[in-house]
N, C-alpha and C. Protein backbone atom coordinates (compact mmCIF):
# COMPACT_ATOMS: atom_id res chain seq x y z
N UNK A 1 -6.07 40.05 -6.64
CA UNK A 1 -6.54 39.83 -5.30
C UNK A 1 -6.20 38.40 -4.88
N UNK A 2 -4.93 38.12 -4.69
CA UNK A 2 -4.48 36.78 -4.33
C UNK A 2 -3.79 36.78 -2.98
N UNK A 3 -4.33 37.48 -2.02
CA UNK A 3 -3.72 37.54 -0.69
C UNK A 3 -4.01 36.26 0.07
N UNK A 4 -3.01 35.80 0.84
CA UNK A 4 -3.18 34.63 1.69
C UNK A 4 -3.55 35.08 3.08
N UNK A 5 -4.59 34.47 3.64
CA UNK A 5 -5.04 34.79 4.99
C UNK A 5 -4.90 33.54 5.84
N UNK A 6 -4.25 33.68 6.98
CA UNK A 6 -4.07 32.54 7.90
C UNK A 6 -5.30 32.36 8.75
N UNK A 7 -5.82 31.13 8.80
CA UNK A 7 -6.97 30.82 9.66
C UNK A 7 -6.46 30.35 11.00
N UNK A 8 -6.59 31.18 12.02
CA UNK A 8 -6.10 30.86 13.37
C UNK A 8 -6.84 29.66 13.97
N UNK A 9 -8.14 29.53 13.69
CA UNK A 9 -8.95 28.48 14.32
C UNK A 9 -8.77 27.12 13.65
N UNK A 10 -8.08 27.06 12.55
CA UNK A 10 -7.99 25.84 11.77
C UNK A 10 -6.53 25.48 11.54
N UNK A 11 -6.21 24.19 11.69
CA UNK A 11 -4.86 23.74 11.37
C UNK A 11 -4.95 22.40 10.67
N UNK A 12 -3.87 22.04 10.00
CA UNK A 12 -3.82 20.77 9.29
C UNK A 12 -3.62 19.60 10.23
N UNK A 13 -3.59 18.38 9.68
CA UNK A 13 -3.49 17.18 10.51
C UNK A 13 -2.18 17.08 11.29
N UNK A 14 -1.16 17.74 10.82
CA UNK A 14 0.13 17.72 11.52
C UNK A 14 0.48 19.11 12.06
N UNK A 15 -0.55 19.91 12.30
CA UNK A 15 -0.34 21.24 12.86
C UNK A 15 0.02 22.30 11.84
N UNK A 16 -0.11 22.00 10.55
CA UNK A 16 0.23 22.97 9.51
C UNK A 16 -0.71 24.17 9.56
N UNK A 17 -0.20 25.32 9.14
CA UNK A 17 -1.06 26.49 9.00
C UNK A 17 -2.00 26.26 7.83
N UNK A 18 -3.22 26.75 7.96
CA UNK A 18 -4.17 26.73 6.85
C UNK A 18 -4.30 28.16 6.35
N UNK A 19 -3.91 28.36 5.11
CA UNK A 19 -3.98 29.68 4.48
C UNK A 19 -5.10 29.66 3.45
N UNK A 20 -5.83 30.76 3.36
CA UNK A 20 -6.90 30.87 2.38
C UNK A 20 -6.50 31.92 1.36
N UNK A 21 -6.60 31.55 0.10
CA UNK A 21 -6.30 32.48 -1.00
C UNK A 21 -7.61 32.78 -1.73
N UNK A 22 -7.98 34.06 -1.72
CA UNK A 22 -9.16 34.50 -2.47
C UNK A 22 -8.71 34.88 -3.87
N UNK A 23 -9.44 34.40 -4.86
CA UNK A 23 -9.07 34.67 -6.24
C UNK A 23 -10.25 35.27 -7.01
N UNK A 24 -10.01 36.41 -7.65
CA UNK A 24 -11.06 37.05 -8.45
C UNK A 24 -11.36 36.22 -9.70
N UNK A 25 -10.39 35.45 -10.17
CA UNK A 25 -10.59 34.62 -11.37
C UNK A 25 -11.41 33.37 -11.07
N UNK A 26 -11.39 32.94 -9.84
CA UNK A 26 -12.11 31.72 -9.45
C UNK A 26 -13.58 32.09 -9.24
N UNK A 27 -14.50 31.38 -9.87
CA UNK A 27 -15.93 31.71 -9.79
C UNK A 27 -16.70 30.79 -8.83
N UNK A 28 -16.55 29.47 -8.99
CA UNK A 28 -17.36 28.55 -8.19
C UNK A 28 -16.55 27.42 -7.55
N UNK A 29 -15.34 27.23 -7.97
CA UNK A 29 -14.59 26.07 -7.49
C UNK A 29 -13.72 26.41 -6.29
N UNK A 30 -13.47 25.38 -5.49
CA UNK A 30 -12.61 25.49 -4.32
C UNK A 30 -11.57 24.39 -4.46
N UNK A 31 -10.32 24.68 -4.14
CA UNK A 31 -9.28 23.65 -4.21
C UNK A 31 -8.38 23.74 -2.99
N UNK A 32 -7.61 22.67 -2.78
CA UNK A 32 -6.70 22.62 -1.64
C UNK A 32 -5.39 21.99 -2.09
N UNK A 33 -4.29 22.57 -1.63
CA UNK A 33 -2.96 22.03 -1.95
C UNK A 33 -2.05 22.20 -0.75
N UNK A 34 -0.95 21.50 -0.80
CA UNK A 34 0.11 21.71 0.19
C UNK A 34 1.20 22.54 -0.48
N UNK A 35 1.69 23.55 0.24
CA UNK A 35 2.73 24.40 -0.34
C UNK A 35 3.65 24.89 0.77
N UNK A 36 4.92 24.55 0.67
CA UNK A 36 5.95 25.02 1.61
C UNK A 36 5.57 24.76 3.07
N UNK A 37 5.02 23.59 3.35
CA UNK A 37 4.68 23.23 4.72
C UNK A 37 3.34 23.75 5.19
N UNK A 38 2.65 24.50 4.36
CA UNK A 38 1.32 25.02 4.70
C UNK A 38 0.27 24.32 3.85
N UNK A 39 -0.97 24.46 4.25
CA UNK A 39 -2.11 24.02 3.45
C UNK A 39 -2.77 25.27 2.90
N UNK A 40 -2.96 25.31 1.59
CA UNK A 40 -3.55 26.49 0.94
C UNK A 40 -4.89 26.10 0.33
N UNK A 41 -5.94 26.80 0.76
CA UNK A 41 -7.29 26.61 0.22
C UNK A 41 -7.58 27.81 -0.68
N UNK A 42 -7.88 27.54 -1.96
CA UNK A 42 -8.20 28.61 -2.90
C UNK A 42 -9.71 28.68 -3.08
N UNK A 43 -10.27 29.87 -2.89
CA UNK A 43 -11.73 30.07 -2.97
C UNK A 43 -12.02 31.28 -3.85
N UNK A 44 -13.27 31.39 -4.33
CA UNK A 44 -13.64 32.60 -5.07
C UNK A 44 -13.60 33.83 -4.16
N UNK A 45 -13.22 34.96 -4.70
CA UNK A 45 -13.16 36.21 -3.93
C UNK A 45 -14.54 36.62 -3.43
N UNK A 46 -15.58 36.17 -4.10
CA UNK A 46 -16.95 36.57 -3.74
C UNK A 46 -17.50 35.84 -2.51
N UNK A 47 -16.79 34.86 -1.98
CA UNK A 47 -17.29 34.11 -0.81
C UNK A 47 -17.35 35.01 0.42
N UNK A 48 -18.38 34.80 1.22
CA UNK A 48 -18.51 35.52 2.49
C UNK A 48 -17.50 34.94 3.49
N UNK A 49 -17.33 35.63 4.61
CA UNK A 49 -16.42 35.13 5.66
C UNK A 49 -16.89 33.76 6.15
N UNK A 50 -18.20 33.59 6.26
CA UNK A 50 -18.71 32.29 6.73
C UNK A 50 -18.45 31.19 5.69
N UNK A 51 -18.68 31.49 4.41
CA UNK A 51 -18.40 30.50 3.36
C UNK A 51 -16.91 30.14 3.36
N UNK A 52 -16.07 31.16 3.53
CA UNK A 52 -14.63 30.92 3.59
C UNK A 52 -14.30 29.95 4.71
N UNK A 53 -14.80 30.22 5.90
CA UNK A 53 -14.53 29.38 7.07
C UNK A 53 -15.07 27.96 6.85
N UNK A 54 -16.32 27.86 6.38
CA UNK A 54 -16.94 26.55 6.17
C UNK A 54 -16.20 25.73 5.11
N UNK A 55 -15.86 26.38 4.01
CA UNK A 55 -15.17 25.66 2.94
C UNK A 55 -13.75 25.28 3.33
N UNK A 56 -13.07 26.14 4.04
CA UNK A 56 -11.71 25.81 4.49
C UNK A 56 -11.75 24.57 5.38
N UNK A 57 -12.68 24.56 6.32
CA UNK A 57 -12.82 23.41 7.24
C UNK A 57 -13.17 22.14 6.45
N UNK A 58 -14.14 22.26 5.53
CA UNK A 58 -14.57 21.11 4.74
C UNK A 58 -13.41 20.55 3.90
N UNK A 59 -12.65 21.43 3.27
CA UNK A 59 -11.56 20.98 2.41
C UNK A 59 -10.44 20.33 3.22
N UNK A 60 -10.12 20.88 4.39
CA UNK A 60 -9.10 20.28 5.25
C UNK A 60 -9.57 18.91 5.71
N UNK A 61 -10.84 18.79 6.10
CA UNK A 61 -11.37 17.49 6.52
C UNK A 61 -11.29 16.47 5.39
N UNK A 62 -11.62 16.89 4.17
CA UNK A 62 -11.54 15.98 3.02
C UNK A 62 -10.09 15.57 2.75
N UNK A 63 -9.16 16.51 2.88
CA UNK A 63 -7.75 16.19 2.66
C UNK A 63 -7.28 15.17 3.69
N UNK A 64 -7.64 15.37 4.94
CA UNK A 64 -7.24 14.44 6.01
C UNK A 64 -7.79 13.05 5.71
N UNK A 65 -9.06 12.97 5.33
CA UNK A 65 -9.68 11.67 5.03
C UNK A 65 -9.01 11.01 3.82
N UNK A 66 -8.73 11.80 2.78
CA UNK A 66 -8.10 11.26 1.57
C UNK A 66 -6.70 10.74 1.89
N UNK A 67 -5.94 11.49 2.67
CA UNK A 67 -4.59 11.07 3.02
C UNK A 67 -4.61 9.83 3.91
N UNK A 68 -5.59 9.74 4.79
CA UNK A 68 -5.70 8.56 5.66
C UNK A 68 -6.00 7.31 4.83
N UNK A 69 -6.84 7.46 3.80
CA UNK A 69 -7.16 6.31 2.93
C UNK A 69 -5.97 5.90 2.09
N UNK A 70 -5.18 6.86 1.64
CA UNK A 70 -4.08 6.55 0.73
C UNK A 70 -2.81 6.13 1.46
N UNK A 71 -2.79 6.20 2.77
CA UNK A 71 -1.62 5.80 3.55
C UNK A 71 -2.04 4.72 4.54
N UNK A 72 -2.20 3.48 4.04
CA UNK A 72 -2.63 2.44 4.95
C UNK A 72 -1.58 2.14 6.01
N UNK A 73 -2.06 1.69 7.15
CA UNK A 73 -1.14 1.35 8.23
C UNK A 73 -0.25 0.18 7.79
N UNK A 74 1.00 0.26 8.12
CA UNK A 74 1.96 -0.78 7.77
C UNK A 74 1.80 -1.93 8.76
N UNK A 75 1.68 -3.13 8.22
CA UNK A 75 1.61 -4.30 9.08
C UNK A 75 2.97 -4.54 9.70
N UNK A 76 2.97 -4.97 10.94
CA UNK A 76 4.23 -5.34 11.60
C UNK A 76 4.62 -6.74 11.14
N UNK A 77 5.86 -7.11 11.42
CA UNK A 77 6.30 -8.46 11.10
C UNK A 77 5.47 -9.49 11.86
N UNK A 78 5.08 -9.16 13.09
CA UNK A 78 4.24 -10.08 13.88
C UNK A 78 2.88 -10.26 13.20
N UNK A 79 2.34 -9.18 12.64
CA UNK A 79 1.06 -9.29 11.92
C UNK A 79 1.22 -10.11 10.65
N UNK A 80 2.38 -9.98 9.99
CA UNK A 80 2.65 -10.81 8.81
C UNK A 80 2.68 -12.29 9.19
N UNK A 81 3.30 -12.60 10.33
CA UNK A 81 3.34 -13.99 10.79
C UNK A 81 1.92 -14.49 11.05
N UNK A 82 1.09 -13.66 11.65
CA UNK A 82 -0.31 -14.03 11.87
C UNK A 82 -1.04 -14.28 10.55
N UNK A 83 -0.78 -13.42 9.56
CA UNK A 83 -1.38 -13.60 8.25
C UNK A 83 -0.92 -14.92 7.64
N UNK A 84 0.37 -15.23 7.78
CA UNK A 84 0.90 -16.48 7.23
C UNK A 84 0.19 -17.68 7.84
N UNK A 85 -0.02 -17.64 9.14
CA UNK A 85 -0.73 -18.74 9.81
C UNK A 85 -2.16 -18.86 9.29
N UNK A 86 -2.84 -17.72 9.15
CA UNK A 86 -4.22 -17.72 8.64
C UNK A 86 -4.29 -18.29 7.23
N UNK A 87 -3.39 -17.83 6.36
CA UNK A 87 -3.40 -18.29 4.96
C UNK A 87 -3.07 -19.78 4.90
N UNK A 88 -2.09 -20.22 5.66
CA UNK A 88 -1.72 -21.64 5.69
C UNK A 88 -2.90 -22.48 6.16
N UNK A 89 -3.55 -22.05 7.21
CA UNK A 89 -4.68 -22.81 7.77
C UNK A 89 -5.85 -22.85 6.78
N UNK A 90 -6.17 -21.71 6.19
CA UNK A 90 -7.33 -21.60 5.32
C UNK A 90 -7.15 -22.32 3.98
N UNK A 91 -5.94 -22.31 3.43
CA UNK A 91 -5.75 -22.79 2.06
C UNK A 91 -4.80 -23.98 1.93
N UNK A 92 -4.04 -24.27 2.96
CA UNK A 92 -3.07 -25.38 2.90
C UNK A 92 -3.28 -26.38 4.03
N UNK A 93 -4.39 -26.29 4.69
CA UNK A 93 -4.66 -27.20 5.80
C UNK A 93 -3.68 -27.06 6.95
N UNK A 94 -3.05 -25.88 7.06
CA UNK A 94 -2.11 -25.64 8.14
C UNK A 94 -0.77 -26.35 7.98
N UNK A 95 -0.48 -26.83 6.77
CA UNK A 95 0.76 -27.61 6.55
C UNK A 95 2.03 -26.77 6.47
N UNK A 96 1.92 -25.51 6.05
CA UNK A 96 3.11 -24.65 5.93
C UNK A 96 3.35 -23.93 7.24
N UNK A 97 4.57 -24.06 7.78
CA UNK A 97 4.91 -23.47 9.08
C UNK A 97 6.17 -22.60 8.94
N UNK A 98 6.02 -21.33 8.59
CA UNK A 98 7.21 -20.49 8.49
C UNK A 98 7.81 -20.22 9.88
N UNK A 99 9.13 -20.13 9.92
CA UNK A 99 9.81 -19.78 11.17
C UNK A 99 9.76 -18.27 11.39
N UNK A 100 9.81 -17.51 10.30
CA UNK A 100 9.71 -16.05 10.40
C UNK A 100 9.16 -15.50 9.09
N UNK A 101 8.46 -14.37 9.21
CA UNK A 101 7.94 -13.65 8.05
C UNK A 101 8.24 -12.18 8.30
N UNK A 102 8.96 -11.55 7.38
CA UNK A 102 9.37 -10.16 7.57
C UNK A 102 9.21 -9.37 6.27
N UNK A 103 9.13 -8.05 6.42
CA UNK A 103 9.22 -7.15 5.27
C UNK A 103 10.69 -7.04 4.90
N UNK A 104 10.96 -6.87 3.62
CA UNK A 104 12.34 -6.69 3.16
C UNK A 104 12.42 -5.46 2.27
N UNK A 105 13.36 -4.59 2.58
CA UNK A 105 13.60 -3.42 1.72
C UNK A 105 14.66 -3.74 0.67
N UNK A 106 15.18 -4.95 0.69
CA UNK A 106 16.22 -5.35 -0.26
C UNK A 106 15.64 -6.05 -1.48
N UNK A 107 14.34 -6.23 -1.52
CA UNK A 107 13.71 -6.95 -2.64
C UNK A 107 13.08 -5.95 -3.59
N UNK A 108 13.79 -5.66 -4.65
CA UNK A 108 13.28 -4.71 -5.63
C UNK A 108 12.92 -5.38 -6.95
N UNK A 109 13.24 -6.66 -7.10
CA UNK A 109 12.90 -7.38 -8.32
C UNK A 109 12.03 -8.59 -8.06
N UNK A 110 11.63 -8.79 -6.81
CA UNK A 110 10.75 -9.90 -6.43
C UNK A 110 9.72 -9.39 -5.45
N UNK A 111 8.53 -9.98 -5.50
CA UNK A 111 7.49 -9.62 -4.54
C UNK A 111 7.71 -10.33 -3.22
N UNK A 112 8.35 -11.47 -3.27
CA UNK A 112 8.61 -12.22 -2.05
C UNK A 112 9.65 -13.28 -2.31
N UNK A 113 10.17 -13.84 -1.25
CA UNK A 113 11.11 -14.95 -1.36
C UNK A 113 11.04 -15.77 -0.09
N UNK A 114 11.53 -17.01 -0.20
CA UNK A 114 11.56 -17.85 0.99
C UNK A 114 12.79 -18.74 0.95
N UNK A 115 13.20 -19.17 2.11
CA UNK A 115 14.29 -20.12 2.28
C UNK A 115 13.71 -21.33 3.01
N UNK A 116 13.35 -22.38 2.25
CA UNK A 116 12.74 -23.55 2.89
C UNK A 116 13.62 -24.18 3.96
N UNK A 117 14.94 -24.11 3.80
CA UNK A 117 15.84 -24.76 4.76
C UNK A 117 15.65 -24.22 6.18
N UNK A 118 15.40 -22.92 6.31
CA UNK A 118 15.20 -22.37 7.66
C UNK A 118 13.79 -21.80 7.87
N UNK A 119 12.93 -21.91 6.86
CA UNK A 119 11.54 -21.50 7.02
C UNK A 119 11.30 -20.01 7.02
N UNK A 120 12.22 -19.23 6.47
CA UNK A 120 12.03 -17.77 6.46
C UNK A 120 11.31 -17.32 5.19
N UNK A 121 10.42 -16.38 5.36
CA UNK A 121 9.72 -15.74 4.24
C UNK A 121 9.96 -14.25 4.35
N UNK A 122 10.29 -13.64 3.21
CA UNK A 122 10.48 -12.20 3.14
C UNK A 122 9.54 -11.66 2.06
N UNK A 123 8.81 -10.61 2.40
CA UNK A 123 7.93 -9.95 1.44
C UNK A 123 8.50 -8.57 1.12
N UNK A 124 8.47 -8.21 -0.15
CA UNK A 124 8.97 -6.90 -0.56
C UNK A 124 8.15 -5.79 0.08
N UNK A 125 8.85 -4.78 0.55
CA UNK A 125 8.16 -3.62 1.14
C UNK A 125 7.28 -2.91 0.10
N UNK A 126 7.51 -3.18 -1.18
CA UNK A 126 6.68 -2.58 -2.23
C UNK A 126 5.23 -3.07 -2.16
N UNK A 127 4.99 -4.18 -1.46
CA UNK A 127 3.62 -4.69 -1.29
C UNK A 127 2.81 -3.88 -0.29
N UNK A 128 3.49 -3.11 0.55
CA UNK A 128 2.79 -2.34 1.57
C UNK A 128 1.85 -1.35 0.90
N UNK A 129 0.62 -1.34 1.35
CA UNK A 129 -0.38 -0.45 0.77
C UNK A 129 -1.17 -1.08 -0.37
N UNK A 130 -0.75 -2.26 -0.84
CA UNK A 130 -1.52 -2.95 -1.88
C UNK A 130 -2.71 -3.64 -1.23
N UNK A 131 -3.71 -3.97 -2.04
CA UNK A 131 -4.89 -4.64 -1.47
C UNK A 131 -4.52 -5.92 -0.71
N UNK A 132 -5.29 -6.22 0.31
CA UNK A 132 -5.03 -7.36 1.17
C UNK A 132 -4.96 -8.67 0.39
N UNK A 133 -5.87 -8.85 -0.59
CA UNK A 133 -5.86 -10.11 -1.35
C UNK A 133 -4.55 -10.29 -2.13
N UNK A 134 -3.91 -9.19 -2.50
CA UNK A 134 -2.64 -9.27 -3.22
C UNK A 134 -1.53 -9.71 -2.27
N UNK A 135 -1.45 -9.08 -1.10
CA UNK A 135 -0.43 -9.46 -0.11
C UNK A 135 -0.62 -10.92 0.30
N UNK A 136 -1.88 -11.32 0.50
CA UNK A 136 -2.17 -12.71 0.88
C UNK A 136 -1.78 -13.69 -0.23
N UNK A 137 -1.94 -13.29 -1.48
CA UNK A 137 -1.56 -14.16 -2.59
C UNK A 137 -0.05 -14.37 -2.64
N UNK A 138 0.71 -13.30 -2.44
CA UNK A 138 2.17 -13.44 -2.40
C UNK A 138 2.56 -14.29 -1.20
N UNK A 139 1.89 -14.09 -0.07
CA UNK A 139 2.15 -14.91 1.11
C UNK A 139 1.87 -16.38 0.79
N UNK A 140 0.75 -16.65 0.14
CA UNK A 140 0.40 -18.02 -0.24
C UNK A 140 1.48 -18.62 -1.13
N UNK A 141 1.95 -17.85 -2.10
CA UNK A 141 3.00 -18.30 -3.01
C UNK A 141 4.24 -18.75 -2.22
N UNK A 142 4.64 -17.93 -1.27
CA UNK A 142 5.84 -18.27 -0.49
C UNK A 142 5.57 -19.44 0.46
N UNK A 143 4.39 -19.52 1.02
CA UNK A 143 4.05 -20.66 1.88
C UNK A 143 4.08 -21.97 1.09
N UNK A 144 3.57 -21.93 -0.14
CA UNK A 144 3.61 -23.13 -0.98
C UNK A 144 5.06 -23.54 -1.23
N UNK A 145 5.95 -22.56 -1.39
CA UNK A 145 7.37 -22.89 -1.59
C UNK A 145 7.99 -23.56 -0.37
N UNK A 146 7.43 -23.35 0.80
CA UNK A 146 7.93 -24.08 1.97
C UNK A 146 7.62 -25.57 1.84
N UNK A 147 6.62 -25.89 1.04
CA UNK A 147 6.20 -27.28 0.84
C UNK A 147 6.73 -27.89 -0.45
N UNK A 148 6.84 -27.06 -1.49
CA UNK A 148 7.19 -27.54 -2.83
C UNK A 148 8.18 -26.58 -3.48
N UNK A 149 9.36 -27.07 -3.91
CA UNK A 149 10.28 -26.19 -4.64
C UNK A 149 9.80 -26.01 -6.09
N UNK A 150 10.22 -24.95 -6.72
CA UNK A 150 9.88 -24.72 -8.12
C UNK A 150 8.43 -24.36 -8.33
N UNK A 151 8.05 -24.28 -9.62
CA UNK A 151 6.70 -23.87 -10.00
C UNK A 151 6.02 -24.92 -10.86
N UNK A 152 6.28 -26.18 -10.58
CA UNK A 152 5.73 -27.28 -11.35
C UNK A 152 4.26 -27.55 -11.05
N UNK A 153 3.76 -28.69 -11.55
CA UNK A 153 2.34 -29.03 -11.39
C UNK A 153 1.88 -29.10 -9.93
N UNK A 154 2.71 -29.64 -9.03
CA UNK A 154 2.32 -29.74 -7.63
C UNK A 154 2.18 -28.34 -7.02
N UNK A 155 3.12 -27.45 -7.35
CA UNK A 155 3.05 -26.06 -6.89
C UNK A 155 1.75 -25.41 -7.38
N UNK A 156 1.49 -25.55 -8.68
CA UNK A 156 0.30 -24.93 -9.27
C UNK A 156 -0.99 -25.47 -8.65
N UNK A 157 -1.01 -26.77 -8.36
CA UNK A 157 -2.20 -27.36 -7.74
C UNK A 157 -2.44 -26.77 -6.35
N UNK A 158 -1.37 -26.59 -5.58
CA UNK A 158 -1.52 -26.00 -4.25
C UNK A 158 -1.92 -24.52 -4.34
N UNK A 159 -1.34 -23.79 -5.28
CA UNK A 159 -1.69 -22.37 -5.45
C UNK A 159 -3.15 -22.20 -5.85
N UNK A 160 -3.69 -23.18 -6.56
CA UNK A 160 -5.09 -23.11 -7.00
C UNK A 160 -6.06 -23.05 -5.82
N UNK A 161 -5.58 -23.42 -4.63
CA UNK A 161 -6.43 -23.36 -3.44
C UNK A 161 -6.70 -21.92 -3.01
N UNK A 162 -5.89 -20.97 -3.49
CA UNK A 162 -6.13 -19.57 -3.15
C UNK A 162 -7.00 -18.96 -4.25
N UNK A 163 -8.26 -18.66 -3.96
CA UNK A 163 -9.22 -18.28 -5.01
C UNK A 163 -8.90 -16.97 -5.74
N UNK A 164 -8.12 -16.09 -5.14
CA UNK A 164 -7.85 -14.80 -5.79
C UNK A 164 -6.44 -14.71 -6.36
N UNK A 165 -5.78 -15.85 -6.54
CA UNK A 165 -4.40 -15.85 -7.03
C UNK A 165 -4.29 -15.21 -8.41
N UNK A 166 -5.20 -15.58 -9.31
CA UNK A 166 -5.13 -15.05 -10.67
C UNK A 166 -5.40 -13.55 -10.69
N UNK A 167 -6.39 -13.12 -9.93
CA UNK A 167 -6.71 -11.69 -9.82
C UNK A 167 -5.51 -10.93 -9.25
N UNK A 168 -4.89 -11.48 -8.21
CA UNK A 168 -3.73 -10.83 -7.59
C UNK A 168 -2.56 -10.75 -8.57
N UNK A 169 -2.35 -11.83 -9.34
CA UNK A 169 -1.26 -11.82 -10.31
C UNK A 169 -1.50 -10.74 -11.36
N UNK A 170 -2.76 -10.58 -11.78
CA UNK A 170 -3.08 -9.51 -12.73
C UNK A 170 -2.79 -8.14 -12.15
N UNK A 171 -3.11 -7.95 -10.88
CA UNK A 171 -2.83 -6.68 -10.21
C UNK A 171 -1.32 -6.42 -10.20
N UNK A 172 -0.54 -7.44 -9.79
CA UNK A 172 0.92 -7.29 -9.72
C UNK A 172 1.52 -7.06 -11.09
N UNK A 173 1.01 -7.74 -12.12
CA UNK A 173 1.49 -7.51 -13.49
C UNK A 173 1.20 -6.07 -13.91
N UNK A 174 0.03 -5.55 -13.52
CA UNK A 174 -0.30 -4.16 -13.83
C UNK A 174 0.63 -3.18 -13.14
N UNK A 175 0.95 -3.45 -11.87
CA UNK A 175 1.90 -2.60 -11.14
C UNK A 175 3.25 -2.63 -11.83
N UNK A 176 3.70 -3.83 -12.20
CA UNK A 176 4.99 -3.96 -12.88
C UNK A 176 4.99 -3.20 -14.19
N UNK A 177 3.91 -3.35 -14.97
CA UNK A 177 3.82 -2.66 -16.24
C UNK A 177 3.85 -1.15 -16.05
N UNK A 178 3.11 -0.66 -15.05
CA UNK A 178 3.06 0.77 -14.79
C UNK A 178 4.42 1.33 -14.40
N UNK A 179 5.24 0.51 -13.78
CA UNK A 179 6.57 0.94 -13.36
C UNK A 179 7.64 0.62 -14.40
N UNK A 180 7.20 0.20 -15.61
CA UNK A 180 8.13 -0.17 -16.68
C UNK A 180 9.07 -1.28 -16.27
N UNK A 181 8.55 -2.21 -15.51
CA UNK A 181 9.35 -3.35 -15.07
C UNK A 181 8.77 -4.60 -15.72
N UNK A 182 9.61 -5.61 -15.95
CA UNK A 182 9.03 -6.87 -16.42
C UNK A 182 8.21 -7.48 -15.30
N UNK A 183 7.21 -8.31 -15.64
CA UNK A 183 6.45 -8.97 -14.57
C UNK A 183 7.38 -9.72 -13.63
N UNK A 184 7.14 -9.59 -12.35
CA UNK A 184 8.00 -10.21 -11.36
C UNK A 184 7.48 -11.59 -11.02
N UNK A 185 7.93 -12.57 -11.79
CA UNK A 185 7.61 -13.93 -11.42
C UNK A 185 8.93 -14.70 -11.44
N UNK A 186 8.97 -15.89 -11.83
CA UNK A 186 10.22 -16.63 -11.83
C UNK A 186 10.48 -17.25 -10.48
N UNK A 187 11.53 -18.04 -10.41
CA UNK A 187 11.82 -18.81 -9.21
C UNK A 187 12.32 -17.90 -8.10
N UNK A 188 11.73 -18.05 -6.95
CA UNK A 188 12.08 -17.19 -5.83
C UNK A 188 12.38 -18.00 -4.58
N UNK A 189 12.85 -19.21 -4.77
CA UNK A 189 13.17 -20.08 -3.64
C UNK A 189 14.68 -20.15 -3.51
N UNK A 190 15.17 -19.88 -2.32
CA UNK A 190 16.61 -19.97 -2.08
C UNK A 190 16.98 -21.43 -1.90
N UNK A 191 17.98 -21.84 -2.61
CA UNK A 191 18.51 -23.20 -2.45
C UNK A 191 19.65 -23.14 -1.45
N UNK A 192 20.16 -24.27 -1.08
CA UNK A 192 21.23 -24.33 -0.08
C UNK A 192 22.45 -23.52 -0.52
N UNK A 193 22.69 -23.45 -1.83
CA UNK A 193 23.87 -22.74 -2.33
C UNK A 193 23.61 -21.25 -2.51
N UNK A 194 22.42 -20.78 -2.20
CA UNK A 194 22.11 -19.35 -2.34
C UNK A 194 20.86 -19.17 -3.16
N UNK A 195 20.58 -17.94 -3.51
CA UNK A 195 19.37 -17.66 -4.27
C UNK A 195 19.53 -18.15 -5.69
N UNK A 196 18.47 -18.70 -6.22
CA UNK A 196 18.50 -19.13 -7.62
C UNK A 196 17.74 -18.17 -8.48
């Protein structure tokens, strides 16, 4: 008894059909999946028509909420510039003044980079969806490079002004480890002759 029934009154967040599959093997659990462009809700065969309708609606609502949480809105480049100004003001006394801050899809081995000569900062698109404190930490790192080349004592002293830098670095190291990549640190400042 695994027939799929289309719920006319219910649709997914992008207009997908919601199909209900009654299963004689299923006793108490309800599940939801996406399959071939449809949303399939699996319920016990013993559910009444009202339980079917209520559970289908509840599961679709939960799926929509879960997907909304897991797909954060992408910041625009203008919002990144605003973040850079905020971070500079809050942690560097407003001393770092980037000319531009953009997302980069070409950065697969670095979280960010900057070119002090023209004041540009690029953040890897891989940061999108990561916690705000992590993105702000990478932003802080690049802003400090606008003031100080390399990763020497002066750089470290300025980075210490960002209270969540160590926590953010741990998060990024965990992401790198999970992706079987070496930790992404190292020098990320472009010199006049090109990237170093």
